[in-house]
Amino acid sequence: MGVTSPLKGQSHSRSLTRKLLPYVLYALLPIAVFRFYFHPFTFPLSTSDQLPHPNRIILTTSSSSSSSSPPPSSFSREEEIANETPCNYTYGRWVHDKMGPLYNGTTCGTIKEGQNCITHGRPDLGYLYWRWQPSQCNLPRFDPNTFFNLLSNKHIAFVGDSMARNQLESLLCMLATASYPNLVYKNGEDNKFRRWHFASHNITVSVYWSPFLVKGVEKSKTGPDHNELYVDVVDERWGSDLEHIDMVVLSIGHWFLHPAVYYEGGSVLGCHYCPGLNHTEIGFYDVMRKAIKTALKAIIERKSTDGNGIDVFLTSFSPSHFEGEWDKAGACPKTKPYEEGEKMVEGMDADMRSIAIEEMEAAKVNAKKFKGLRLETLDVTKLSLMRPDGHPGPYMYPFPFANGVQEHVQNDCVHWCLPGPIDTWNQIVLEVIRRWSVVSKREE
């Protein structure tokens, strides 16, 4: 019986190894690529991202670590939030997001026709795959169940112009992915006053049409050709319901650009663009400031006496993106966000944003005298300015180019497609509420 030489066996083993090695490498390579793609290495932020931004607005806090890294088991999620460093959601950039939105134009039944860009045939869908990345923290994906748990048995009201309605419908669509809203009330032209109820958590969500927040008479075909505003009188269409409201989101701006006559103390204060009237032209900036001041004052005075408290958000101005004539094709043609530094908040956009922030900061000082009042600016001006691609444009109507490009095509470069960038506004709202809840429990 022959005996195999040890050297010969080792040589055979090395030969086999060499033959198998390429196959092993080919097998491991896809695994390595898969691991790196879905779990990329994290790198420290650049020095510029670590520096605080001057005059920054602190909205809430969020984790500065990667969301893919689980918190230590010895800490609860509430303890983690309470110990987080304050985050500034105002500044950041839009980054590509493969996950896309929570809903679409066919899964949500509460989208206003004019904002349902998908079902109206918008061909480019790249605008759906972006998320807002704040400079110094993460903004978690919206979780409807977290929202329901934090606001069970509450009444949430959106008060203002069509941007308030746009944000409301965004929230309804995101919440509807977890629980169906029942429409329980509607009234007014174009359903300007509506109310939904989520039976699963006894949450009521309402929208109140109030484009000035204060008492106003809107221009009409049968009435004056300008608006009339009473800057020191709150609009009771929503003010009279404050007793039953637990959280309110205020949103105004664009309607102040229209011709108007202003009243204060029962007398004419002045007007904006009223050449045929014998009134002093005073512009609209100070009037908008007075309107916000009146609204916040009414909320604080009424809710500080009923003992129930209230959470108040004031949404800053959301810029439009008209690049051409509103009734021509290509009025807002962009198909991706602006890069950082490509577009700055300036001019009227900056002025209207500043008014909202300044008045909210002043109201916070007043609200500190009372318990149960929590106020914050929802500063969305910059993140909205950087999304010229998110508007319906010509797709405010179904298939506008089905018969070719027409000479006149109406465009909406003010409101936002649903789903779209405005969903981010409600992501931030949820994070602020989450923070408030944790801090409140700590103080009990």
Protein backbone atom coordinates (compact mmCIF):
# COMPACT_ATOMS: atom_id res chain seq x y z
CA MET A 1 0.00 0.00 0.00
CA GLY A 2 1.52 3.31 -1.06
CA VAL A 3 1.90 6.18 1.39
CA THR A 4 1.25 9.75 0.22
CA SER A 5 4.13 12.09 0.84
CA PRO A 6 3.32 14.99 3.25
CA LEU A 7 4.97 17.46 0.85
CA LYS A 8 2.87 16.18 -1.99
CA GLY A 9 -0.30 16.61 0.12
CA GLN A 10 0.62 20.16 1.05
CA SER A 11 1.29 20.99 -2.62
CA HIS A 12 -2.10 19.58 -3.58
CA SER A 13 -3.77 21.65 -0.80
CA ARG A 14 -2.12 24.88 -2.00
CA SER A 15 -3.18 24.13 -5.55
CA LEU A 16 -6.78 23.61 -4.44
CA THR A 17 -6.68 26.87 -2.48
CA ARG A 18 -5.49 28.80 -5.50
CA LYS A 19 -8.27 27.35 -7.58
CA LEU A 20 -10.95 28.17 -5.02
CA LEU A 21 -9.69 31.65 -4.06
CA PRO A 22 -11.18 33.53 -7.07
CA TYR A 23 -14.59 31.98 -6.44
CA VAL A 24 -14.46 32.99 -2.78
CA LEU A 25 -13.57 36.56 -3.72
CA TYR A 26 -16.39 36.70 -6.26
CA ALA A 27 -18.80 35.49 -3.58
CA LEU A 28 -17.62 38.00 -0.97
CA LEU A 29 -17.55 41.04 -3.23
CA PRO A 30 -21.35 41.45 -3.62
CA ILE A 31 -21.77 41.01 0.14
CA ALA A 32 -19.23 43.76 0.81
CA VAL A 33 -20.87 46.08 -1.70
CA PHE A 34 -24.31 45.39 -0.21
CA ARG A 35 -23.02 46.12 3.31
CA PHE A 36 -21.36 49.37 2.31
CA TYR A 37 -24.38 50.55 0.28
CA PHE A 38 -27.00 50.08 2.97
CA HIS A 39 -24.76 50.75 5.97
CA PRO A 40 -22.20 53.34 4.86
CA PHE A 41 -19.43 54.45 7.14
CA THR A 42 -20.11 57.72 8.91
CA PHE A 43 -17.60 60.53 8.83
CA PRO A 44 -17.38 63.57 11.07
CA LEU A 45 -19.03 66.78 9.92
CA SER A 46 -16.88 69.41 8.31
CA THR A 47 -15.59 72.26 10.44
CA SER A 48 -18.10 74.63 8.86
CA ASP A 49 -21.00 72.35 9.86
CA GLN A 50 -19.76 72.22 13.45
CA LEU A 51 -19.81 75.99 13.87
CA PRO A 52 -23.05 77.61 15.06
CA HIS A 53 -24.83 79.74 12.48
CA PRO A 54 -25.12 83.43 13.46
CA ASN A 55 -28.57 84.57 14.57
CA ARG A 56 -29.85 81.04 14.35
CA ILE A 57 -33.38 80.11 15.31
CA ILE A 58 -33.54 77.17 17.71
CA LEU A 59 -36.67 75.16 17.04
CA THR A 60 -36.04 71.94 18.86
CA THR A 61 -33.42 69.24 19.29
CA SER A 62 -32.48 66.12 17.43
CA SER A 63 -29.76 63.55 17.59
CA SER A 64 -26.40 64.52 16.13
CA SER A 65 -25.47 60.88 15.66
CA SER A 66 -26.43 58.67 12.77
CA SER A 67 -29.98 57.41 12.90
CA SER A 68 -28.71 53.96 12.02
CA SER A 69 -26.85 53.70 15.34
CA PRO A 70 -29.15 52.45 18.10
CA PRO A 71 -29.05 54.27 21.46
CA PRO A 72 -27.44 52.52 24.42
CA SER A 73 -29.80 50.05 26.00
CA SER A 74 -29.49 51.80 29.37
CA PHE A 75 -31.25 54.92 27.98
CA SER A 76 -34.85 55.22 26.92
CA ARG A 77 -35.80 57.20 23.81
CA GLU A 78 -37.22 59.97 26.04
CA GLU A 79 -33.97 60.28 27.99
CA GLU A 80 -32.06 60.43 24.72
CA ILE A 81 -34.23 63.28 23.40
CA ALA A 82 -34.03 65.19 26.68
CA ASN A 83 -30.24 65.06 26.65
CA GLU A 84 -29.79 66.01 23.00
CA THR A 85 -28.02 69.17 21.92
CA PRO A 86 -30.34 71.88 20.57
CA CYS A 87 -30.71 71.61 16.80
CA ASN A 88 -31.31 74.32 14.26
CA TYR A 89 -33.67 73.04 11.56
CA THR A 90 -33.57 76.34 9.68
CA TYR A 91 -30.26 75.72 7.95
CA GLY A 92 -29.28 72.67 5.96
CA ARG A 93 -29.50 71.20 2.49
CA TRP A 94 -31.70 68.90 0.44
CA VAL A 95 -30.15 65.48 -0.06
CA HIS A 96 -31.28 62.63 -2.27
CA ASP A 97 -33.52 60.09 -0.53
CA LYS A 98 -34.27 56.74 -2.16
CA MET A 99 -37.16 56.01 0.22
CA GLY A 100 -39.46 58.64 -1.23
CA PRO A 101 -42.72 59.86 0.36
CA LEU A 102 -45.04 58.05 2.76
CA TYR A 103 -48.01 58.37 0.39
CA ASN A 104 -48.87 59.18 -3.22
CA GLY A 105 -51.60 60.82 -5.25
CA THR A 106 -53.78 57.73 -5.31
CA THR A 107 -53.38 56.48 -1.72
CA CYS A 108 -54.52 59.77 -0.14
CA GLY A 109 -58.05 60.99 -0.71
CA THR A 110 -57.76 64.44 0.85
CA ILE A 111 -55.36 66.09 -1.63
CA LYS A 112 -56.75 69.22 -3.24
CA GLU A 113 -57.06 68.72 -6.99
CA GLY A 114 -54.69 71.56 -7.76
CA GLN A 115 -51.84 69.96 -5.80
CA ASN A 116 -52.24 66.36 -6.98
CA CYS A 117 -49.31 66.56 -9.40
CA ILE A 118 -48.86 62.80 -9.86
CA THR A 119 -52.41 62.03 -10.97
CA HIS A 120 -52.41 65.18 -13.12
CA GLY A 121 -49.65 63.68 -15.22
CA ARG A 122 -46.47 65.40 -14.08
CA PRO A 123 -43.85 63.29 -15.92
CA ASP A 124 -40.77 63.95 -13.76
CA LEU A 125 -41.00 62.31 -10.34
CA GLY A 126 -37.49 63.10 -9.14
CA TYR A 127 -38.86 65.88 -6.92
CA LEU A 128 -40.29 63.17 -4.64
CA TYR A 129 -36.90 61.75 -3.67
CA TRP A 130 -35.33 64.45 -1.54
CA ARG A 131 -35.21 65.02 2.20
CA TRP A 132 -34.14 67.99 4.29
CA GLN A 133 -30.83 67.42 6.09
CA PRO A 134 -30.22 70.04 8.80
CA SER A 135 -26.59 71.16 9.13
CA GLN A 136 -25.99 69.82 12.64
CA CYS A 137 -28.51 67.05 13.26
CA ASN A 138 -30.89 64.53 11.70
CA LEU A 139 -34.56 65.08 10.94
CA PRO A 140 -36.31 61.72 11.46
CA ARG A 141 -38.81 60.41 8.94
CA PHE A 142 -42.40 61.26 9.90
CA ASP A 143 -43.96 58.55 12.05
CA PRO A 144 -47.77 58.83 12.13
CA ASN A 145 -48.08 56.55 15.16
CA THR A 146 -45.78 58.79 17.18
CA PHE A 147 -47.96 61.76 16.20
CA PHE A 148 -51.11 59.91 17.26
CA ASN A 149 -49.64 58.90 20.61
CA LEU A 150 -48.47 62.43 21.42
CA LEU A 151 -51.73 64.13 20.42
CA SER A 152 -54.39 61.65 21.49
CA ASN A 153 -57.66 63.34 22.50
CA LYS A 154 -56.49 66.68 21.09
CA HIS A 155 -57.90 69.19 18.61
CA ILE A 156 -55.37 70.52 16.08
CA ALA A 157 -56.31 73.57 13.99
CA PHE A 158 -54.64 75.01 10.90
CA VAL A 159 -55.54 78.68 10.58
CA GLY A 160 -54.65 81.01 7.72
CA ASP A 161 -54.55 81.16 3.95
CA SER A 162 -54.20 78.46 1.30
CA MET A 163 -50.69 77.60 2.55
CA ALA A 164 -52.26 76.58 5.87
CA ARG A 165 -54.64 74.35 3.92
CA ASN A 166 -51.74 72.95 1.88
CA GLN A 167 -49.91 72.00 5.09
CA LEU A 168 -53.06 70.56 6.64
CA GLU A 169 -53.65 68.28 3.65
CA SER A 170 -50.03 67.13 3.81
CA LEU A 171 -50.51 66.14 7.45
CA LEU A 172 -53.78 64.34 6.73
CA CYS A 173 -52.13 62.29 3.99
CA MET A 174 -49.23 61.24 6.22
CA LEU A 175 -51.54 60.35 9.11
CA ALA A 176 -53.87 58.44 6.79
CA THR A 177 -51.09 55.89 6.20
CA ALA A 178 -51.81 54.63 9.72
CA SER A 179 -55.44 55.59 10.41
CA TYR A 180 -58.26 56.83 8.18
CA PRO A 181 -59.64 60.35 8.83
CA ASN A 182 -63.40 60.82 8.77
CA LEU A 183 -64.69 64.16 7.45
CA VAL A 184 -67.21 65.30 10.09
CA TYR A 185 -67.80 68.93 9.09
CA LYS A 186 -67.48 71.19 6.05
CA ASN A 187 -68.71 74.67 5.29
CA GLY A 188 -67.93 77.66 3.12
CA GLU A 189 -66.96 78.14 -0.51
CA ASP A 190 -64.30 75.68 -1.67
CA ASN A 191 -64.64 73.87 1.69
CA LYS A 192 -62.66 76.57 3.48
CA PHE A 193 -63.83 75.31 6.87
CA ARG A 194 -63.49 71.57 7.40
CA ARG A 195 -62.94 69.12 10.24
CA TRP A 196 -61.77 65.50 10.36
CA HIS A 197 -61.77 62.97 13.17
CA PHE A 198 -59.35 60.10 13.73
CA ALA A 199 -61.44 57.72 15.78
CA SER A 200 -58.47 55.47 16.58
CA HIS A 201 -56.95 58.13 18.87
CA ASN A 202 -59.82 60.62 19.22
CA ILE A 203 -57.87 63.34 17.38
CA THR A 204 -59.65 66.18 15.61
CA VAL A 205 -57.95 68.14 12.81
CA SER A 206 -59.56 71.33 11.49
CA VAL A 207 -58.82 74.00 8.92
CA TYR A 208 -60.05 77.59 9.26
CA TRP A 209 -59.85 79.97 6.32
CA SER A 210 -58.45 83.25 7.68
CA PRO A 211 -55.95 84.78 5.23
CA PHE A 212 -55.17 87.73 7.54
CA LEU A 213 -55.76 86.11 10.99
CA VAL A 214 -57.61 89.31 11.86
CA LYS A 215 -61.11 90.42 10.84
CA GLY A 216 -61.24 91.06 7.13
CA VAL A 217 -63.52 91.58 4.17
CA GLU A 218 -62.14 89.95 1.04
CA LYS A 219 -62.41 91.57 -2.36
CA SER A 220 -65.19 90.16 -4.51
CA LYS A 221 -67.04 90.68 -7.78
CA THR A 222 -70.02 92.14 -5.92
CA GLY A 223 -68.08 94.10 -3.30
CA PRO A 224 -64.96 96.24 -3.16
CA ASP A 225 -62.06 95.47 -5.51
CA HIS A 226 -59.66 95.48 -2.57
CA ASN A 227 -59.44 93.72 0.77
CA GLU A 228 -60.39 95.42 4.04
CA LEU A 229 -58.50 94.51 7.21
CA TYR A 230 -59.19 95.42 10.84
CA VAL A 231 -55.73 94.91 12.24
CA ASP A 232 -56.67 95.13 15.94
CA VAL A 233 -59.63 92.70 15.83
CA VAL A 234 -59.02 88.96 15.72
CA ASP A 235 -61.01 86.90 13.20
CA GLU A 236 -63.67 85.26 15.35
CA ARG A 237 -64.28 82.56 12.76
CA TRP A 238 -61.39 80.80 14.47
CA GLY A 239 -60.95 82.92 17.59
CA SER A 240 -64.33 81.89 18.98
CA ASP A 241 -63.26 78.22 18.88
CA LEU A 242 -59.98 78.69 20.81
CA GLU A 243 -61.55 77.22 23.93
CA HIS A 244 -61.73 73.85 22.15
CA ILE A 245 -58.34 73.97 20.37
CA ASP A 246 -55.23 72.31 21.85
CA MET A 247 -52.74 73.09 19.07
CA VAL A 248 -52.88 75.76 16.39
CA VAL A 249 -50.71 76.27 13.29
CA LEU A 250 -50.91 79.81 11.89
CA SER A 251 -49.87 80.55 8.31
CA ILE A 252 -50.24 83.84 6.43
CA GLY A 253 -48.33 86.00 3.97
CA HIS A 254 -49.33 85.97 0.32
CA TRP A 255 -52.70 87.67 0.77
CA PHE A 256 -51.00 90.75 2.20
CA LEU A 257 -49.58 91.45 -1.26
CA HIS A 258 -53.06 92.26 -2.60
CA PRO A 259 -54.58 95.78 -2.66
CA ALA A 260 -56.16 96.57 0.69
CA VAL A 261 -57.47 99.26 3.01
CA TYR A 262 -56.49 98.95 6.68
CA TYR A 263 -58.48 99.95 9.76
CA GLU A 264 -57.34 100.34 13.35
CA GLY A 265 -59.37 101.63 16.29
CA GLY A 266 -62.34 102.15 14.00
CA SER A 267 -60.49 104.55 11.69
CA VAL A 268 -58.65 104.16 8.40
CA LEU A 269 -54.99 103.45 9.07
CA GLY A 270 -53.88 103.55 5.44
CA CYS A 271 -53.81 101.33 2.42
CA HIS A 272 -51.68 99.24 0.10
CA TYR A 273 -51.87 99.91 -3.64
CA CYS A 274 -55.06 101.98 -3.64
CA PRO A 275 -54.51 104.68 -6.31
CA GLY A 276 -58.20 105.46 -6.69
CA LEU A 277 -58.79 106.08 -2.99
CA ASN A 278 -57.90 109.08 -0.87
CA HIS A 279 -55.87 107.10 1.68
CA THR A 280 -52.22 107.15 2.69
CA GLU A 281 -50.12 104.41 1.12
CA ILE A 282 -48.37 102.58 3.98
CA GLY A 283 -47.42 99.25 2.42
CA PHE A 284 -48.18 95.92 4.05
CA TYR A 285 -45.20 95.01 6.25
CA ASP A 286 -46.34 96.87 9.39
CA VAL A 287 -49.91 95.70 8.81
CA MET A 288 -48.81 92.07 8.67
CA ARG A 289 -46.85 92.62 11.89
CA LYS A 290 -49.93 94.09 13.60
CA ALA A 291 -52.09 91.18 12.41
CA ILE A 292 -49.70 88.57 13.81
CA LYS A 293 -49.42 90.51 17.06
CA THR A 294 -53.21 90.69 17.40
CA ALA A 295 -53.64 86.97 16.73
CA LEU A 296 -50.94 85.86 19.18
CA LYS A 297 -52.22 88.28 21.84
CA ALA A 298 -55.74 86.85 21.52
CA ILE A 299 -54.47 83.27 21.81
CA ILE A 300 -52.39 84.01 24.92
CA GLU A 301 -55.10 86.03 26.66
CA ARG A 302 -57.87 83.52 26.03
CA LYS A 303 -55.93 80.31 26.67
CA SER A 304 -54.17 81.64 29.78
CA THR A 305 -57.55 82.01 31.48
CA ASP A 306 -59.25 78.75 30.51
CA GLY A 307 -56.55 76.63 32.17
CA ASN A 308 -56.19 74.19 29.27
CA GLY A 309 -53.07 75.59 27.65
CA ILE A 310 -52.21 75.48 23.94
CA ASP A 311 -49.33 74.77 21.56
CA VAL A 312 -48.84 77.47 18.91
CA PHE A 313 -46.83 77.33 15.68
CA LEU A 314 -46.38 80.30 13.38
CA THR A 315 -45.22 79.20 9.93
CA SER A 316 -42.80 81.64 8.31
CA PHE A 317 -43.25 82.91 4.76
CA SER A 318 -43.06 80.34 1.96
CA PRO A 319 -41.56 81.93 -1.19
CA SER A 320 -42.98 81.48 -4.68
CA HIS A 321 -40.80 80.50 -7.66
CA PHE A 322 -42.20 82.24 -10.73
CA GLU A 323 -39.46 82.60 -13.34
CA GLY A 324 -41.69 83.80 -16.15
CA GLU A 325 -45.26 84.84 -16.83
CA TRP A 326 -47.78 82.93 -14.73
CA ASP A 327 -49.86 81.97 -17.77
CA LYS A 328 -47.02 80.71 -19.97
CA ALA A 329 -45.38 77.28 -20.10
CA GLY A 330 -42.18 77.15 -18.09
CA ALA A 331 -43.21 79.54 -15.30
CA CYS A 332 -41.49 77.33 -12.71
CA PRO A 333 -39.54 74.78 -14.77
CA LYS A 334 -36.92 73.54 -12.29
CA THR A 335 -36.74 69.77 -11.69
CA LYS A 336 -34.33 69.63 -8.72
CA PRO A 337 -33.50 71.66 -5.59
CA TYR A 338 -31.09 74.57 -5.53
CA GLU A 339 -27.61 73.82 -4.24
CA GLU A 340 -26.41 75.45 -1.02
CA GLY A 341 -25.46 79.06 -1.79
CA GLU A 342 -27.19 79.06 -5.17
CA LYS A 343 -30.21 80.95 -3.81
CA MET A 344 -30.33 83.27 -0.80
CA VAL A 345 -33.23 84.41 1.42
CA GLU A 346 -33.44 88.11 0.61
CA GLY A 347 -35.76 90.98 -0.23
CA MET A 348 -39.45 90.50 0.55
CA ASP A 349 -38.95 86.84 1.50
CA ALA A 350 -36.41 87.82 4.18
CA ASP A 351 -38.52 90.73 5.45
CA MET A 352 -41.69 88.67 5.85
CA ARG A 353 -39.76 85.86 7.53
CA SER A 354 -38.22 88.33 10.00
CA ILE A 355 -41.62 89.76 10.92
CA ALA A 356 -42.94 86.31 11.85
CA ILE A 357 -39.86 85.42 13.90
CA GLU A 358 -39.73 88.75 15.73
CA GLU A 359 -43.41 88.72 16.66
CA MET A 360 -43.24 85.13 17.85
CA GLU A 361 -40.20 85.86 20.01
CA ALA A 362 -42.05 88.81 21.58
CA ALA A 363 -45.11 86.63 22.21
CA LYS A 364 -42.95 84.00 23.91
CA VAL A 365 -41.88 86.55 26.50
CA ASN A 366 -45.51 87.33 27.25
CA ALA A 367 -46.50 83.65 27.34
CA LYS A 368 -43.88 82.85 30.00
CA LYS A 369 -46.15 84.49 32.56
CA PHE A 370 -48.62 81.64 32.18
CA LYS A 371 -48.52 77.87 32.40
CA GLY A 372 -49.38 75.54 29.54
CA LEU A 373 -48.52 77.90 26.68
CA ARG A 374 -45.84 76.70 24.26
CA LEU A 375 -45.01 78.79 21.19
CA GLU A 376 -42.58 78.30 18.31
CA THR A 377 -41.83 79.63 14.86
CA LEU A 378 -41.90 77.01 12.14
CA ASP A 379 -39.12 78.58 10.10
CA VAL A 380 -39.51 77.04 6.65
CA THR A 381 -38.51 80.00 4.46
CA LYS A 382 -35.04 78.80 3.46
CA LEU A 383 -35.83 75.12 3.00
CA SER A 384 -38.85 76.13 0.90
CA LEU A 385 -36.89 78.67 -1.15
CA MET A 386 -34.46 75.90 -2.13
CA ARG A 387 -37.23 73.77 -3.68
CA PRO A 388 -38.27 75.45 -6.96
CA ASP A 389 -39.06 71.96 -8.28
CA GLY A 390 -41.82 71.22 -5.79
CA HIS A 391 -44.71 73.29 -7.20
CA PRO A 392 -47.57 72.04 -9.39
CA GLY A 393 -46.74 74.54 -12.13
CA PRO A 394 -48.99 73.67 -15.11
CA TYR A 395 -50.03 70.40 -13.45
CA MET A 396 -52.47 72.24 -11.25
CA TYR A 397 -54.82 70.96 -13.97
CA PRO A 398 -54.89 67.41 -15.37
CA PHE A 399 -52.62 66.69 -18.34
CA PRO A 400 -52.17 70.31 -19.46
CA PHE A 401 -50.12 69.35 -22.54
CA ALA A 402 -52.26 66.46 -23.77
CA ASN A 403 -53.03 68.46 -26.92
CA GLY A 404 -49.61 70.06 -27.23
CA VAL A 405 -48.21 73.23 -25.65
CA GLN A 406 -50.88 75.93 -25.64
CA GLU A 407 -50.27 79.68 -25.84
CA HIS A 408 -51.74 80.22 -22.39
CA VAL A 409 -51.13 77.72 -19.59
CA GLN A 410 -51.99 78.66 -16.01
CA ASN A 411 -49.24 77.83 -13.49
CA ASP A 412 -49.16 77.45 -9.74
CA CYS A 413 -45.64 78.26 -8.50
CA VAL A 414 -46.82 79.12 -4.97
CA HIS A 415 -48.42 76.01 -3.48
CA TRP A 416 -46.75 72.62 -3.16
CA CYS A 417 -47.34 69.28 -4.82
CA LEU A 418 -48.62 66.55 -2.51
CA PRO A 419 -46.60 64.62 -1.73
CA GLY A 420 -43.79 67.14 -1.84
CA PRO A 421 -41.49 69.48 0.10
CA ILE A 422 -44.28 70.71 2.37
CA ASP A 423 -44.33 67.30 4.06
CA THR A 424 -41.06 68.37 5.68
CA TRP A 425 -42.87 71.15 7.52
CA ASN A 426 -44.91 68.55 9.39
CA GLN A 427 -41.81 66.46 10.08
CA ILE A 428 -40.38 69.44 11.96
CA VAL A 429 -43.66 70.06 13.79
CA LEU A 430 -43.63 66.48 15.04
CA GLU A 431 -40.06 66.79 16.32
CA VAL A 432 -40.90 69.99 18.20
CA ILE A 433 -43.93 68.34 19.79
CA ARG A 434 -41.86 65.31 20.72
CA ARG A 435 -39.32 67.53 22.45
CA TRP A 436 -42.01 69.48 24.26
CA SER A 437 -43.55 66.25 25.52
CA VAL A 438 -40.26 64.99 26.96
CA VAL A 439 -39.46 68.29 28.66
CA SER A 440 -42.97 68.47 30.08
CA LYS A 441 -42.69 65.00 31.62
CA ARG A 442 -39.36 65.91 33.19
CA GLU A 443 -40.88 68.98 34.83
CA GLU A 444 -43.81 67.06 36.35
